[in-house]
Amino acid sequence: MGAIQRFEDLTSKGFDVEEGIKLCGGDEEIYMEVLWAAMEEGKEKIPLIRSVYEQKDYERYRIEVHGLKNAMRSIGATYLSELAAQQEDAVKEQNLAAMEIGVEELLTQYQFVEDALKELLGE
């Protein structure tokens, strides 16, 4: 797979770019702005999500993964959005085993998305 030079190249990283653009009213410029915002937010959110999980602050963890679910859906990072939804459900169900199994995959995928956005946006 080649380098990410245009947001269409994000499809090679599993992004549903068409859906992301659609959710931005069909405006590619707005989509690019949303991608930029997602990249900036990830710098803070990845360590924050890890921290609140490790502190067993499950209510805050639920809030953070809920926001992540929606944010990733809006940029077409569907797989990460689905992982966040699973973690949100696990918290609601107080299923600690599912949370423990899923948190590392969630954070790994979040870093994968973050790295793809950095590559695209030249960060």
PDB file of N, CA and C in Angstrom:
ATOM      1  N   MET A   1       0.839  -1.183   0.000  1.00  0.00           N
ATOM      2  CA  MET A   1       0.000   0.000   0.000  1.00  0.00           C
ATOM      3  C   MET A   1       0.878   1.239   0.000  1.00  0.00           C
ATOM      4  N   GLY A   2       0.482   2.207  -0.792  1.00  0.00           N
ATOM      5  CA  GLY A   2       1.257   3.423  -0.925  1.00  0.00           C
ATOM      6  C   GLY A   2       0.989   4.404   0.194  1.00  0.00           C
ATOM      7  N   ALA A   3       1.692   5.508   0.092  1.00  0.00           N
ATOM      8  CA  ALA A   3       1.545   6.563   1.087  1.00  0.00           C
ATOM      9  C   ALA A   3       0.174   7.222   0.971  1.00  0.00           C
ATOM     10  N   ILE A   4      -0.255   7.777   2.063  1.00  0.00           N
ATOM     11  CA  ILE A   4      -1.535   8.477   2.090  1.00  0.00           C
ATOM     12  C   ILE A   4      -1.270   9.925   1.698  1.00  0.00           C
ATOM     13  N   GLN A   5      -1.730  10.300   0.508  1.00  0.00           N
ATOM     14  CA  GLN A   5      -1.499  11.647   0.011  1.00  0.00           C
ATOM     15  C   GLN A   5      -2.794  12.422  -0.196  1.00  0.00           C
ATOM     16  N   ARG A   6      -3.889  11.715  -0.388  1.00  0.00           N
ATOM     17  CA  ARG A   6      -5.210  12.332  -0.545  1.00  0.00           C
ATOM     18  C   ARG A   6      -6.150  11.593   0.386  1.00  0.00           C
ATOM     19  N   PHE A   7      -7.236  12.262   0.784  1.00  0.00           N
ATOM     20  CA  PHE A   7      -8.099  11.555   1.723  1.00  0.00           C
ATOM     21  C   PHE A   7      -8.721  10.312   1.121  1.00  0.00           C
ATOM     22  N   GLU A   8      -8.800  10.221  -0.202  1.00  0.00           N
ATOM     23  CA  GLU A   8      -9.291   8.997  -0.827  1.00  0.00           C
ATOM     24  C   GLU A   8      -8.369   7.817  -0.529  1.00  0.00           C
ATOM     25  N   ASP A   9      -7.073   8.121  -0.292  1.00  0.00           N
ATOM     26  CA  ASP A   9      -6.109   7.070   0.037  1.00  0.00           C
ATOM     27  C   ASP A   9      -6.410   6.426   1.392  1.00  0.00           C
ATOM     28  N   LEU A  10      -7.222   7.088   2.207  1.00  0.00           N
ATOM     29  CA  LEU A  10      -7.579   6.528   3.509  1.00  0.00           C
ATOM     30  C   LEU A  10      -8.368   5.226   3.379  1.00  0.00           C
ATOM     31  N   THR A  11      -8.969   4.997   2.206  1.00  0.00           N
ATOM     32  CA  THR A  11      -9.719   3.753   2.023  1.00  0.00           C
ATOM     33  C   THR A  11      -8.798   2.539   2.188  1.00  0.00           C
ATOM     34  N   SER A  12      -7.529   2.690   1.828  1.00  0.00           N
ATOM     35  CA  SER A  12      -6.579   1.582   1.997  1.00  0.00           C
ATOM     36  C   SER A  12      -6.310   1.290   3.471  1.00  0.00           C
ATOM     37  N   LYS A  13      -6.692   2.221   4.334  1.00  0.00           N
ATOM     38  CA  LYS A  13      -6.531   2.045   5.781  1.00  0.00           C
ATOM     39  C   LYS A  13      -7.866   1.701   6.444  1.00  0.00           C
ATOM     40  N   GLY A  14      -8.870   1.408   5.635  1.00  0.00           N
ATOM     41  CA  GLY A  14     -10.148   0.960   6.174  1.00  0.00           C
ATOM     42  C   GLY A  14     -11.175   2.052   6.407  1.00  0.00           C
ATOM     43  N   PHE A  15     -10.887   3.260   6.006  1.00  0.00           N
ATOM     44  CA  PHE A  15     -11.847   4.354   6.159  1.00  0.00           C
ATOM     45  C   PHE A  15     -12.931   4.251   5.093  1.00  0.00           C
ATOM     46  N   ASP A  16     -14.136   4.577   5.457  1.00  0.00           N
ATOM     47  CA  ASP A  16     -15.228   4.717   4.498  1.00  0.00           C
ATOM     48  C   ASP A  16     -15.318   6.209   4.179  1.00  0.00           C
ATOM     49  N   VAL A  17     -14.461   6.637   3.262  1.00  0.00           N
ATOM     50  CA  VAL A  17     -14.341   8.056   2.930  1.00  0.00           C
ATOM     51  C   VAL A  17     -15.652   8.596   2.376  1.00  0.00           C
ATOM     52  N   GLU A  18     -16.298   7.804   1.541  1.00  0.00           N
ATOM     53  CA  GLU A  18     -17.587   8.247   0.980  1.00  0.00           C
ATOM     54  C   GLU A  18     -18.588   8.578   2.075  1.00  0.00           C
ATOM     55  N   GLU A  19     -18.677   7.698   3.065  1.00  0.00           N
ATOM     56  CA  GLU A  19     -19.606   7.922   4.184  1.00  0.00           C
ATOM     57  C   GLU A  19     -19.201   9.162   4.980  1.00  0.00           C
ATOM     58  N   GLY A  20     -17.907   9.322   5.208  1.00  0.00           N
ATOM     59  CA  GLY A  20     -17.429  10.492   5.930  1.00  0.00           C
ATOM     60  C   GLY A  20     -17.796  11.785   5.221  1.00  0.00           C
ATOM     61  N   ILE A  21     -17.598  11.815   3.914  1.00  0.00           N
ATOM     62  CA  ILE A  21     -17.943  13.010   3.131  1.00  0.00           C
ATOM     63  C   ILE A  21     -19.453  13.227   3.168  1.00  0.00           C
ATOM     64  N   LYS A  22     -20.196  12.150   3.035  1.00  0.00           N
ATOM     65  CA  LYS A  22     -21.664  12.241   3.086  1.00  0.00           C
ATOM     66  C   LYS A  22     -22.116  12.850   4.422  1.00  0.00           C
ATOM     67  N   LEU A  23     -21.512  12.407   5.527  1.00  0.00           N
ATOM     68  CA  LEU A  23     -21.873  12.927   6.844  1.00  0.00           C
ATOM     69  C   LEU A  23     -21.453  14.385   7.033  1.00  0.00           C
ATOM     70  N   CYS A  24     -20.596  14.861   6.145  1.00  0.00           N
ATOM     71  CA  CYS A  24     -20.181  16.275   6.158  1.00  0.00           C
ATOM     72  C   CYS A  24     -20.952  17.059   5.100  1.00  0.00           C
ATOM     73  N   GLY A  25     -22.143  16.612   4.799  1.00  0.00           N
ATOM     74  CA  GLY A  25     -22.996  17.311   3.844  1.00  0.00           C
ATOM     75  C   GLY A  25     -22.490  17.251   2.420  1.00  0.00           C
ATOM     76  N   GLY A  26     -21.641  16.267   2.134  1.00  0.00           N
ATOM     77  CA  GLY A  26     -21.095  16.138   0.786  1.00  0.00           C
ATOM     78  C   GLY A  26     -19.973  17.120   0.489  1.00  0.00           C
ATOM     79  N   ASP A  27     -19.513  17.838   1.495  1.00  0.00           N
ATOM     80  CA  ASP A  27     -18.498  18.883   1.322  1.00  0.00           C
ATOM     81  C   ASP A  27     -17.117  18.337   1.688  1.00  0.00           C
ATOM     82  N   GLU A  28     -16.269  18.171   0.685  1.00  0.00           N
ATOM     83  CA  GLU A  28     -14.937  17.616   0.910  1.00  0.00           C
ATOM     84  C   GLU A  28     -14.075  18.521   1.776  1.00  0.00           C
ATOM     85  N   GLU A  29     -14.251  19.812   1.679  1.00  0.00           N
ATOM     86  CA  GLU A  29     -13.478  20.750   2.500  1.00  0.00           C
ATOM     87  C   GLU A  29     -13.832  20.583   3.985  1.00  0.00           C
ATOM     88  N   ILE A  30     -15.117  20.438   4.262  1.00  0.00           N
ATOM     89  CA  ILE A  30     -15.545  20.212   5.644  1.00  0.00           C
ATOM     90  C   ILE A  30     -15.009  18.867   6.130  1.00  0.00           C
ATOM     91  N   TYR A  31     -15.049  17.864   5.274  1.00  0.00           N
ATOM     92  CA  TYR A  31     -14.511  16.549   5.642  1.00  0.00           C
ATOM     93  C   TYR A  31     -13.041  16.669   6.035  1.00  0.00           C
ATOM     94  N   MET A  32     -12.277  17.415   5.269  1.00  0.00           N
ATOM     95  CA  MET A  32     -10.857  17.600   5.579  1.00  0.00           C
ATOM     96  C   MET A  32     -10.701  18.294   6.937  1.00  0.00           C
ATOM     97  N   GLU A  33     -11.550  19.271   7.215  1.00  0.00           N
ATOM     98  CA  GLU A  33     -11.499  19.957   8.511  1.00  0.00           C
ATOM     99  C   GLU A  33     -11.835  18.995   9.648  1.00  0.00           C
ATOM    100  N   VAL A  34     -12.798  18.117   9.426  1.00  0.00           N
ATOM    101  CA  VAL A  34     -13.184  17.135  10.441  1.00  0.00           C
ATOM    102  C   VAL A  34     -12.043  16.133  10.651  1.00  0.00           C
ATOM    103  N   LEU A  35     -11.361  15.736   9.587  1.00  0.00           N
ATOM    104  CA  LEU A  35     -10.203  14.854   9.717  1.00  0.00           C
ATOM    105  C   LEU A  35      -9.120  15.519  10.565  1.00  0.00           C
ATOM    106  N   TRP A  36      -8.875  16.791  10.290  1.00  0.00           N
ATOM    107  CA  TRP A  36      -7.855  17.530  11.037  1.00  0.00           C
ATOM    108  C   TRP A  36      -8.218  17.582  12.530  1.00  0.00           C
ATOM    109  N   ALA A  37      -9.481  17.893  12.803  1.00  0.00           N
ATOM    110  CA  ALA A  37      -9.942  17.965  14.193  1.00  0.00           C
ATOM    111  C   ALA A  37      -9.801  16.608  14.876  1.00  0.00           C
ATOM    112  N   ALA A  38     -10.122  15.534  14.162  1.00  0.00           N
ATOM    113  CA  ALA A  38     -10.007  14.181  14.724  1.00  0.00           C
ATOM    114  C   ALA A  38      -8.556  13.860  15.051  1.00  0.00           C
ATOM    115  N   MET A  39      -7.633  14.273  14.177  1.00  0.00           N
ATOM    116  CA  MET A  39      -6.216  14.032  14.419  1.00  0.00           C
ATOM    117  C   MET A  39      -5.760  14.792  15.664  1.00  0.00           C
ATOM    118  N   GLU A  40      -6.133  16.044  15.758  1.00  0.00           N
ATOM    119  CA  GLU A  40      -5.734  16.857  16.912  1.00  0.00           C
ATOM    120  C   GLU A  40      -6.303  16.281  18.204  1.00  0.00           C
ATOM    121  N   GLU A  41      -7.547  15.855  18.161  1.00  0.00           N
ATOM    122  CA  GLU A  41      -8.193  15.304  19.351  1.00  0.00           C
ATOM    123  C   GLU A  41      -7.542  13.998  19.792  1.00  0.00           C
ATOM    124  N   GLY A  42      -7.119  13.198  18.832  1.00  0.00           N
ATOM    125  CA  GLY A  42      -6.508  11.911  19.155  1.00  0.00           C
ATOM    126  C   GLY A  42      -5.247  12.044  19.979  1.00  0.00           C
ATOM    127  N   LYS A  43      -4.514  13.122  19.785  1.00  0.00           N
ATOM    128  CA  LYS A  43      -3.282  13.333  20.557  1.00  0.00           C
ATOM    129  C   LYS A  43      -3.564  13.343  22.054  1.00  0.00           C
ATOM    130  N   GLU A  44      -4.709  13.865  22.428  1.00  0.00           N
ATOM    131  CA  GLU A  44      -5.084  13.931  23.840  1.00  0.00           C
ATOM    132  C   GLU A  44      -5.922  12.733  24.269  1.00  0.00           C
ATOM    133  N   LYS A  45      -6.784  12.270  23.389  1.00  0.00           N
ATOM    134  CA  LYS A  45      -7.766  11.261  23.780  1.00  0.00           C
ATOM    135  C   LYS A  45      -7.165   9.872  23.971  1.00  0.00           C
ATOM    136  N   ILE A  46      -6.178   9.518  23.194  1.00  0.00           N
ATOM    137  CA  ILE A  46      -5.606   8.175  23.346  1.00  0.00           C
ATOM    138  C   ILE A  46      -5.045   7.993  24.759  1.00  0.00           C
ATOM    139  N   PRO A  47      -4.173   8.885  25.235  1.00  0.00           N
ATOM    140  CA  PRO A  47      -3.688   8.700  26.607  1.00  0.00           C
ATOM    141  C   PRO A  47      -4.781   8.887  27.661  1.00  0.00           C
ATOM    142  N   LEU A  48      -5.748   9.756  27.394  1.00  0.00           N
ATOM    143  CA  LEU A  48      -6.839   9.969  28.342  1.00  0.00           C
ATOM    144  C   LEU A  48      -7.676   8.702  28.501  1.00  0.00           C
ATOM    145  N   ILE A  49      -8.045   8.081  27.393  1.00  0.00           N
ATOM    146  CA  ILE A  49      -8.853   6.859  27.451  1.00  0.00           C
ATOM    147  C   ILE A  49      -8.099   5.770  28.203  1.00  0.00           C
ATOM    148  N   ARG A  50      -6.811   5.624  27.917  1.00  0.00           N
ATOM    149  CA  ARG A  50      -6.000   4.622  28.633  1.00  0.00           C
ATOM    150  C   ARG A  50      -5.992   4.929  30.131  1.00  0.00           C
ATOM    151  N   SER A  51      -5.795   6.176  30.461  1.00  0.00           N
ATOM    152  CA  SER A  51      -5.704   6.581  31.865  1.00  0.00           C
ATOM    153  C   SER A  51      -7.000   6.333  32.633  1.00  0.00           C
ATOM    154  N   VAL A  52      -8.128   6.749  32.085  1.00  0.00           N
ATOM    155  CA  VAL A  52      -9.387   6.563  32.821  1.00  0.00           C
ATOM    156  C   VAL A  52      -9.739   5.086  32.930  1.00  0.00           C
ATOM    157  N   TYR A  53      -9.359   4.298  31.923  1.00  0.00           N
ATOM    158  CA  TYR A  53      -9.590   2.855  32.019  1.00  0.00           C
ATOM    159  C   TYR A  53      -8.723   2.269  33.132  1.00  0.00           C
ATOM    160  N   GLU A  54      -7.447   2.610  33.136  1.00  0.00           N
ATOM    161  CA  GLU A  54      -6.538   2.063  34.145  1.00  0.00           C
ATOM    162  C   GLU A  54      -6.917   2.497  35.556  1.00  0.00           C
ATOM    163  N   GLN A  55      -7.501   3.683  35.683  1.00  0.00           N
ATOM    164  CA  GLN A  55      -7.959   4.170  36.983  1.00  0.00           C
ATOM    165  C   GLN A  55      -9.299   3.549  37.388  1.00  0.00           C
ATOM    166  N   LYS A  56      -9.846   2.740  36.503  1.00  0.00           N
ATOM    167  CA  LYS A  56     -11.150   2.093  36.717  1.00  0.00           C
ATOM    168  C   LYS A  56     -12.279   3.114  36.890  1.00  0.00           C
ATOM    169  N   ASP A  57     -12.106   4.251  36.228  1.00  0.00           N
ATOM    170  CA  ASP A  57     -13.158   5.282  36.195  1.00  0.00           C
ATOM    171  C   ASP A  57     -14.058   4.936  35.010  1.00  0.00           C
ATOM    172  N   TYR A  58     -14.881   3.917  35.219  1.00  0.00           N
ATOM    173  CA  TYR A  58     -15.644   3.349  34.123  1.00  0.00           C
ATOM    174  C   TYR A  58     -16.716   4.292  33.582  1.00  0.00           C
ATOM    175  N   GLU A  59     -17.254   5.145  34.402  1.00  0.00           N
ATOM    176  CA  GLU A  59     -18.248   6.106  33.888  1.00  0.00           C
ATOM    177  C   GLU A  59     -17.568   7.082  32.936  1.00  0.00           C
ATOM    178  N   ARG A  60     -16.413   7.579  33.308  1.00  0.00           N
ATOM    179  CA  ARG A  60     -15.672   8.483  32.417  1.00  0.00           C
ATOM    180  C   ARG A  60     -15.221   7.739  31.162  1.00  0.00           C
ATOM    181  N   TYR A  61     -14.814   6.494  31.329  1.00  0.00           N
ATOM    182  CA  TYR A  61     -14.423   5.663  30.192  1.00  0.00           C
ATOM    183  C   TYR A  61     -15.594   5.523  29.223  1.00  0.00           C
ATOM    184  N   ARG A  62     -16.778   5.262  29.768  1.00  0.00           N
ATOM    185  CA  ARG A  62     -17.973   5.132  28.924  1.00  0.00           C
ATOM    186  C   ARG A  62     -18.219   6.419  28.155  1.00  0.00           C
ATOM    187  N   ILE A  63     -18.093   7.551  28.821  1.00  0.00           N
ATOM    188  CA  ILE A  63     -18.307   8.845  28.166  1.00  0.00           C
ATOM    189  C   ILE A  63     -17.288   9.045  27.042  1.00  0.00           C
ATOM    190  N   GLU A  64     -16.046   8.718  27.312  1.00  0.00           N
ATOM    191  CA  GLU A  64     -14.992   8.905  26.312  1.00  0.00           C
ATOM    192  C   GLU A  64     -15.189   7.983  25.105  1.00  0.00           C
ATOM    193  N   VAL A  65     -15.537   6.715  25.342  1.00  0.00           N
ATOM    194  CA  VAL A  65     -15.712   5.820  24.195  1.00  0.00           C
ATOM    195  C   VAL A  65     -16.998   6.155  23.430  1.00  0.00           C
ATOM    196  N   HIS A  66     -17.982   6.694  24.118  1.00  0.00           N
ATOM    197  CA  HIS A  66     -19.199   7.159  23.424  1.00  0.00           C
ATOM    198  C   HIS A  66     -18.836   8.288  22.457  1.00  0.00           C
ATOM    199  N   GLY A  67     -18.076   9.251  22.927  1.00  0.00           N
ATOM    200  CA  GLY A  67     -17.640  10.346  22.054  1.00  0.00           C
ATOM    201  C   GLY A  67     -16.775   9.848  20.908  1.00  0.00           C
ATOM    202  N   LEU A  68     -15.900   8.899  21.215  1.00  0.00           N
ATOM    203  CA  LEU A  68     -15.036   8.323  20.182  1.00  0.00           C
ATOM    204  C   LEU A  68     -15.866   7.620  19.122  1.00  0.00           C
ATOM    205  N   LYS A  69     -16.869   6.891  19.557  1.00  0.00           N
ATOM    206  CA  LYS A  69     -17.760   6.176  18.624  1.00  0.00           C
ATOM    207  C   LYS A  69     -18.344   7.150  17.598  1.00  0.00           C
ATOM    208  N   ASN A  70     -18.854   8.244  18.075  1.00  0.00           N
ATOM    209  CA  ASN A  70     -19.480   9.223  17.186  1.00  0.00           C
ATOM    210  C   ASN A  70     -18.455   9.947  16.317  1.00  0.00           C
ATOM    211  N   ALA A  71     -17.340  10.329  16.916  1.00  0.00           N
ATOM    212  CA  ALA A  71     -16.307  11.052  16.158  1.00  0.00           C
ATOM    213  C   ALA A  71     -15.741  10.188  15.033  1.00  0.00           C
ATOM    214  N   MET A  72     -15.489   8.936  15.316  1.00  0.00           N
ATOM    215  CA  MET A  72     -14.908   8.057  14.298  1.00  0.00           C
ATOM    216  C   MET A  72     -15.921   7.715  13.212  1.00  0.00           C
ATOM    217  N   ARG A  73     -17.161   7.615  13.587  1.00  0.00           N
ATOM    218  CA  ARG A  73     -18.201   7.400  12.569  1.00  0.00           C
ATOM    219  C   ARG A  73     -18.224   8.590  11.613  1.00  0.00           C
ATOM    220  N   SER A  74     -18.064   9.794  12.149  1.00  0.00           N
ATOM    221  CA  SER A  74     -18.166  10.998  11.324  1.00  0.00           C
ATOM    222  C   SER A  74     -17.036  11.125  10.311  1.00  0.00           C
ATOM    223  N   ILE A  75     -15.911  10.433  10.535  1.00  0.00           N
ATOM    224  CA  ILE A  75     -14.825  10.494   9.551  1.00  0.00           C
ATOM    225  C   ILE A  75     -14.740   9.218   8.721  1.00  0.00           C
ATOM    226  N   GLY A  76     -15.641   8.278   8.968  1.00  0.00           N
ATOM    227  CA  GLY A  76     -15.644   7.042   8.199  1.00  0.00           C
ATOM    228  C   GLY A  76     -14.716   5.972   8.748  1.00  0.00           C
ATOM    229  N   ALA A  77     -14.238   6.146   9.993  1.00  0.00           N
ATOM    230  CA  ALA A  77     -13.409   5.126  10.642  1.00  0.00           C
ATOM    231  C   ALA A  77     -14.353   4.135  11.323  1.00  0.00           C
ATOM    232  N   THR A  78     -15.040   3.374  10.495  1.00  0.00           N
ATOM    233  CA  THR A  78     -16.147   2.530  10.930  1.00  0.00           C
ATOM    234  C   THR A  78     -15.730   1.459  11.922  1.00  0.00           C
ATOM    235  N   TYR A  79     -14.615   0.802  11.664  1.00  0.00           N
ATOM    236  CA  TYR A  79     -14.186  -0.281  12.549  1.00  0.00           C
ATOM    237  C   TYR A  79     -13.922   0.249  13.956  1.00  0.00           C
ATOM    238  N   LEU A  80     -13.215   1.372  14.055  1.00  0.00           N
ATOM    239  CA  LEU A  80     -12.936   1.960  15.363  1.00  0.00           C
ATOM    240  C   LEU A  80     -14.232   2.406  16.025  1.00  0.00           C
ATOM    241  N   SER A  81     -15.145   2.954  15.271  1.00  0.00           N
ATOM    242  CA  SER A  81     -16.443   3.342  15.812  1.00  0.00           C
ATOM    243  C   SER A  81     -17.169   2.135  16.399  1.00  0.00           C
ATOM    244  N   GLU A  82     -17.108   1.006  15.694  1.00  0.00           N
ATOM    245  CA  GLU A  82     -17.758  -0.220  16.182  1.00  0.00           C
ATOM    246  C   GLU A  82     -17.093  -0.738  17.454  1.00  0.00           C
ATOM    247  N   LEU A  83     -15.761  -0.671  17.504  1.00  0.00           N
ATOM    248  CA  LEU A  83     -15.054  -1.091  18.720  1.00  0.00           C
ATOM    249  C   LEU A  83     -15.451  -0.216  19.904  1.00  0.00           C
ATOM    250  N   ALA A  84     -15.562   1.083  19.666  1.00  0.00           N
ATOM    251  CA  ALA A  84     -15.967   2.000  20.730  1.00  0.00           C
ATOM    252  C   ALA A  84     -17.386   1.685  21.202  1.00  0.00           C
ATOM    253  N   ALA A  85     -18.266   1.365  20.275  1.00  0.00           N
ATOM    254  CA  ALA A  85     -19.647   1.006  20.638  1.00  0.00           C
ATOM    255  C   ALA A  85     -19.655  -0.261  21.495  1.00  0.00           C
ATOM    256  N   GLN A  86     -18.807  -1.226  21.145  1.00  0.00           N
ATOM    257  CA  GLN A  86     -18.723  -2.457  21.938  1.00  0.00           C
ATOM    258  C   GLN A  86     -18.236  -2.165  23.353  1.00  0.00           C
ATOM    259  N   GLN A  87     -17.254  -1.278  23.460  1.00  0.00           N
ATOM    260  CA  GLN A  87     -16.749  -0.923  24.785  1.00  0.00           C
ATOM    261  C   GLN A  87     -17.801  -0.151  25.592  1.00  0.00           C
ATOM    262  N   GLU A  88     -18.521   0.724  24.919  1.00  0.00           N
ATOM    263  CA  GLU A  88     -19.595   1.453  25.596  1.00  0.00           C
ATOM    264  C   GLU A  88     -20.635   0.476  26.136  1.00  0.00           C
ATOM    265  N   ASP A  89     -21.020  -0.498  25.327  1.00  0.00           N
ATOM    266  CA  ASP A  89     -21.986  -1.502  25.765  1.00  0.00           C
ATOM    267  C   ASP A  89     -21.435  -2.327  26.928  1.00  0.00           C
ATOM    268  N   ALA A  90     -20.157  -2.667  26.869  1.00  0.00           N
ATOM    269  CA  ALA A  90     -19.543  -3.457  27.940  1.00  0.00           C
ATOM    270  C   ALA A  90     -19.601  -2.712  29.270  1.00  0.00           C
ATOM    271  N   VAL A  91     -19.360  -1.406  29.222  1.00  0.00           N
ATOM    272  CA  VAL A  91     -19.441  -0.605  30.449  1.00  0.00           C
ATOM    273  C   VAL A  91     -20.876  -0.596  30.967  1.00  0.00           C
ATOM    274  N   LYS A  92     -21.826  -0.350  30.067  1.00  0.00           N
ATOM    275  CA  LYS A  92     -23.236  -0.307  30.474  1.00  0.00           C
ATOM    276  C   LYS A  92     -23.673  -1.622  31.109  1.00  0.00           C
ATOM    277  N   GLU A  93     -23.151  -2.728  30.582  1.00  0.00           N
ATOM    278  CA  GLU A  93     -23.508  -4.057  31.077  1.00  0.00           C
ATOM    279  C   GLU A  93     -22.620  -4.487  32.247  1.00  0.00           C
ATOM    280  N   GLN A  94     -21.663  -3.632  32.620  1.00  0.00           N
ATOM    281  CA  GLN A  94     -20.692  -3.924  33.674  1.00  0.00           C
ATOM    282  C   GLN A  94     -19.944  -5.226  33.384  1.00  0.00           C
ATOM    283  N   ASN A  95     -19.637  -5.421  32.106  1.00  0.00           N
ATOM    284  CA  ASN A  95     -18.935  -6.618  31.655  1.00  0.00           C
ATOM    285  C   ASN A  95     -17.429  -6.318  31.635  1.00  0.00           C
ATOM    286  N   LEU A  96     -16.795  -6.486  32.788  1.00  0.00           N
ATOM    287  CA  LEU A  96     -15.374  -6.152  32.919  1.00  0.00           C
ATOM    288  C   LEU A  96     -14.492  -7.010  32.020  1.00  0.00           C
ATOM    289  N   ALA A  97     -14.868  -8.259  31.812  1.00  0.00           N
ATOM    290  CA  ALA A  97     -14.075  -9.136  30.942  1.00  0.00           C
ATOM    291  C   ALA A  97     -14.065  -8.605  29.508  1.00  0.00           C
ATOM    292  N   ALA A  98     -15.210  -8.197  28.997  1.00  0.00           N
ATOM    293  CA  ALA A  98     -15.282  -7.646  27.634  1.00  0.00           C
ATOM    294  C   ALA A  98     -14.504  -6.339  27.536  1.00  0.00           C
ATOM    295  N   MET A  99     -14.562  -5.545  28.592  1.00  0.00           N
ATOM    296  CA  MET A  99     -13.801  -4.288  28.592  1.00  0.00           C
ATOM    297  C   MET A  99     -12.311  -4.588  28.540  1.00  0.00           C
ATOM    298  N   GLU A 100     -11.873  -5.525  29.361  1.00  0.00           N
ATOM    299  CA  GLU A 100     -10.457  -5.857  29.422  1.00  0.00           C
ATOM    300  C   GLU A 100      -9.953  -6.413  28.095  1.00  0.00           C
ATOM    301  N   ILE A 101     -10.764  -7.242  27.464  1.00  0.00           N
ATOM    302  CA  ILE A 101     -10.388  -7.812  26.169  1.00  0.00           C
ATOM    303  C   ILE A 101     -10.358  -6.732  25.096  1.00  0.00           C
ATOM    304  N   GLY A 102     -11.311  -5.807  25.135  1.00  0.00           N
ATOM    305  CA  GLY A 102     -11.465  -4.846  24.055  1.00  0.00           C
ATOM    306  C   GLY A 102     -10.660  -3.568  24.143  1.00  0.00           C
ATOM    307  N   VAL A 103     -10.203  -3.194  25.330  1.00  0.00           N
ATOM    308  CA  VAL A 103      -9.563  -1.888  25.479  1.00  0.00           C
ATOM    309  C   VAL A 103      -8.271  -1.776  24.662  1.00  0.00           C
ATOM    310  N   GLU A 104      -7.456  -2.811  24.648  1.00  0.00           N
ATOM    311  CA  GLU A 104      -6.194  -2.726  23.903  1.00  0.00           C
ATOM    312  C   GLU A 104      -6.431  -2.666  22.396  1.00  0.00           C
ATOM    313  N   GLU A 105      -7.389  -3.436  21.908  1.00  0.00           N
ATOM    314  CA  GLU A 105      -7.725  -3.378  20.471  1.00  0.00           C
ATOM    315  C   GLU A 105      -8.252  -1.990  20.120  1.00  0.00           C
ATOM    316  N   LEU A 106      -9.076  -1.442  20.985  1.00  0.00           N
ATOM    317  CA  LEU A 106      -9.605  -0.094  20.772  1.00  0.00           C
ATOM    318  C   LEU A 106      -8.463   0.915  20.670  1.00  0.00           C
ATOM    319  N   LEU A 107      -7.551   0.874  21.620  1.00  0.00           N
ATOM    320  CA  LEU A 107      -6.450   1.847  21.634  1.00  0.00           C
ATOM    321  C   LEU A 107      -5.481   1.622  20.476  1.00  0.00           C
ATOM    322  N   THR A 108      -5.266   0.369  20.120  1.00  0.00           N
ATOM    323  CA  THR A 108      -4.398   0.063  18.970  1.00  0.00           C
ATOM    324  C   THR A 108      -5.014   0.613  17.687  1.00  0.00           C
ATOM    325  N   GLN A 109      -6.300   0.388  17.504  1.00  0.00           N
ATOM    326  CA  GLN A 109      -6.973   0.886  16.308  1.00  0.00           C
ATOM    327  C   GLN A 109      -7.041   2.409  16.301  1.00  0.00           C
ATOM    328  N   TYR A 110      -7.228   3.007  17.473  1.00  0.00           N
ATOM    329  CA  TYR A 110      -7.251   4.470  17.552  1.00  0.00           C
ATOM    330  C   TYR A 110      -5.896   5.021  17.114  1.00  0.00           C
ATOM    331  N   GLN A 111      -4.804   4.400  17.564  1.00  0.00           N
ATOM    332  CA  GLN A 111      -3.472   4.851  17.154  1.00  0.00           C
ATOM    333  C   GLN A 111      -3.271   4.654  15.657  1.00  0.00           C
ATOM    334  N   PHE A 112      -3.791   3.567  15.118  1.00  0.00           N
ATOM    335  CA  PHE A 112      -3.717   3.291  13.682  1.00  0.00           C
ATOM    336  C   PHE A 112      -4.411   4.409  12.893  1.00  0.00           C
ATOM    337  N   VAL A 113      -5.606   4.797  13.339  1.00  0.00           N
ATOM    338  CA  VAL A 113      -6.349   5.890  12.697  1.00  0.00           C
ATOM    339  C   VAL A 113      -5.573   7.193  12.837  1.00  0.00           C
ATOM    340  N   GLU A 114      -5.080   7.454  14.020  1.00  0.00           N
ATOM    341  CA  GLU A 114      -4.302   8.673  14.280  1.00  0.00           C
ATOM    342  C   GLU A 114      -3.082   8.741  13.363  1.00  0.00           C
ATOM    343  N   ASP A 115      -2.366   7.632  13.224  1.00  0.00           N
ATOM    344  CA  ASP A 115      -1.182   7.600  12.362  1.00  0.00           C
ATOM    345  C   ASP A 115      -1.545   7.841  10.897  1.00  0.00           C
ATOM    346  N   ALA A 116      -2.655   7.277  10.439  1.00  0.00           N
ATOM    347  CA  ALA A 116      -3.098   7.485   9.061  1.00  0.00           C
ATOM    348  C   ALA A 116      -3.424   8.962   8.830  1.00  0.00           C
ATOM    349  N   LEU A 117      -4.074   9.584   9.795  1.00  0.00           N
ATOM    350  CA  LEU A 117      -4.412  10.998   9.651  1.00  0.00           C
ATOM    351  C   LEU A 117      -3.164  11.866   9.674  1.00  0.00           C
ATOM    352  N   LYS A 118      -2.206  11.530  10.516  1.00  0.00           N
ATOM    353  CA  LYS A 118      -0.940  12.281  10.555  1.00  0.00           C
ATOM    354  C   LYS A 118      -0.225  12.179   9.211  1.00  0.00           C
ATOM    355  N   GLU A 119      -0.244  10.983   8.633  1.00  0.00           N
ATOM    356  CA  GLU A 119       0.412  10.788   7.339  1.00  0.00           C
ATOM    357  C   GLU A 119      -0.261  11.642   6.262  1.00  0.00           C
ATOM    358  N   LEU A 120      -1.573  11.622   6.254  1.00  0.00           N
ATOM    359  CA  LEU A 120      -2.319  12.397   5.267  1.00  0.00           C
ATOM    360  C   LEU A 120      -2.104  13.889   5.445  1.00  0.00           C
ATOM    361  N   LEU A 121      -2.163  14.345   6.689  1.00  0.00           N
ATOM    362  CA  LEU A 121      -2.160  15.782   6.961  1.00  0.00           C
ATOM    363  C   LEU A 121      -0.770  16.352   7.214  1.00  0.00           C
ATOM    364  N   GLY A 122       0.254  15.486   7.125  1.00  0.00           N
ATOM    365  CA  GLY A 122       1.617  15.976   7.219  1.00  0.00           C
ATOM    366  C   GLY A 122       2.039  16.373   8.618  1.00  0.00           C
ATOM    367  N   GLU A 123       1.489  15.752   9.620  1.00  0.00           N
ATOM    368  CA  GLU A 123       1.852  16.047  11.012  1.00  0.00           C
ATOM    369  C   GLU A 123       3.043  15.231  11.418  1.00  0.00           C
TER     370      GLU A 123
END
